[in-house]
Amino acid sequence: MSHLPDDHPLKLAHRRSIRHRAEIEASRLCGCFFCERIFVAPLIIDWIREDDTALCPFCGIVSVLGDASGLPITEDFLQEMRIAWFC
């Protein structure tokens, strides 16, 4: 993804997947763009303590987005993010 400009929507979305505890706790739905699961926010119980980053409750990867971010937590969007960051 380094070939995309810093203001590209997928880069901006990726920035919302770290240091986001308050945003995740304000979310109803979350999604992981590694395993592409959509789940309710209270399922998140593991965090990276140093920077308040959520770990996916299904795969344990740091790739969680919450709907309080304003990003679409949909299968299509999570798949697009997975392709962009993990393929």
Protein backbone atom coordinates (compact mmCIF):
# COMPACT_ATOMS: atom_id res chain seq x y z
CA MET A 1 0.00 0.00 0.00
CA SER A 2 2.97 2.33 0.13
CA HIS A 3 2.33 3.16 -3.52
CA LEU A 4 -0.93 4.91 -2.59
CA PRO A 5 -0.98 8.55 -1.57
CA ASP A 6 -1.29 9.26 2.15
CA ASP A 7 -4.82 10.60 1.66
CA HIS A 8 -6.08 7.46 -0.13
CA PRO A 9 -9.28 6.18 1.57
CA LEU A 10 -7.77 2.74 2.30
CA LYS A 11 -4.71 4.28 3.95
CA LEU A 12 -6.92 6.57 5.99
CA ALA A 13 -9.07 3.58 7.01
CA HIS A 14 -5.98 1.59 8.01
CA ARG A 15 -4.95 4.36 10.38
CA ARG A 16 -8.24 3.79 12.23
CA SER A 17 -7.16 0.23 13.12
CA ILE A 18 -4.62 1.30 15.76
CA ARG A 19 -4.68 3.38 18.93
CA HIS A 20 -8.47 3.31 18.83
CA ARG A 21 -9.82 1.99 22.13
CA ALA A 22 -12.25 4.88 22.68
CA GLU A 23 -13.56 4.52 19.14
CA ILE A 24 -13.99 0.75 19.46
CA GLU A 25 -15.73 1.10 22.82
CA ALA A 26 -18.12 3.62 21.21
CA SER A 27 -18.88 1.19 18.38
CA ARG A 28 -21.72 -1.28 18.14
CA LEU A 29 -20.26 -3.34 15.30
CA CYS A 30 -16.66 -4.11 14.48
CA GLY A 31 -15.01 -5.92 11.65
CA CYS A 32 -11.64 -7.52 11.09
CA PHE A 33 -10.03 -6.98 7.72
CA PHE A 34 -7.77 -10.01 8.17
CA CYS A 35 -10.33 -12.75 8.86
CA GLU A 36 -13.21 -10.62 7.50
CA ARG A 37 -15.49 -11.37 10.46
CA ILE A 38 -18.12 -8.87 11.60
CA PHE A 39 -18.97 -8.95 15.31
CA VAL A 40 -20.31 -6.89 18.20
CA ALA A 41 -17.74 -4.67 19.88
CA PRO A 42 -18.03 -6.24 23.39
CA LEU A 43 -16.45 -9.44 22.03
CA ILE A 44 -13.10 -7.63 22.01
CA ILE A 45 -11.30 -8.47 25.22
CA ASP A 46 -7.66 -8.37 24.14
CA TRP A 47 -5.79 -5.13 23.62
CA ILE A 48 -2.22 -4.11 23.02
CA ARG A 49 -1.77 -2.17 26.25
CA GLU A 50 0.96 0.19 25.09
CA ASP A 51 -1.28 1.90 22.54
CA ASP A 52 -4.87 0.72 23.19
CA THR A 53 -5.14 -1.23 19.94
CA ALA A 54 -7.77 -3.98 19.69
CA LEU A 55 -6.95 -7.54 18.72
CA CYS A 56 -9.57 -9.44 16.73
CA PRO A 57 -11.38 -11.91 19.02
CA PHE A 58 -11.38 -14.51 16.22
CA CYS A 59 -7.92 -14.36 14.65
CA GLY A 60 -5.91 -12.26 17.12
CA ILE A 61 -4.63 -9.90 14.42
CA VAL A 62 -4.45 -6.11 14.80
CA SER A 63 -6.87 -5.33 11.99
CA VAL A 64 -10.09 -4.27 13.71
CA LEU A 65 -12.26 -1.35 12.68
CA GLY A 66 -15.33 -0.08 14.53
CA ASP A 67 -18.45 1.52 13.12
CA ALA A 68 -17.92 4.62 15.30
CA SER A 69 -15.11 5.42 12.87
CA GLY A 70 -17.69 6.17 10.19
CA LEU A 71 -16.18 3.45 8.01
CA PRO A 72 -18.47 0.84 6.45
CA ILE A 73 -18.27 -2.39 8.43
CA THR A 74 -19.40 -4.58 5.55
CA GLU A 75 -18.16 -7.77 3.93
CA ASP A 76 -17.20 -5.86 0.78
CA PHE A 77 -15.19 -3.20 2.59
CA LEU A 78 -13.40 -5.70 4.83
CA GLN A 79 -12.49 -7.76 1.77
CA GLU A 80 -11.16 -4.67 0.00
CA MET A 81 -9.04 -3.83 3.05
CA ARG A 82 -7.75 -7.42 3.29
CA ILE A 83 -6.69 -7.41 -0.34
CA ALA A 84 -5.00 -4.05 0.09
CA TRP A 85 -3.08 -4.89 3.29
CA PHE A 86 -2.59 -8.66 3.38
CA CYS A 87 -2.49 -9.93 -0.22
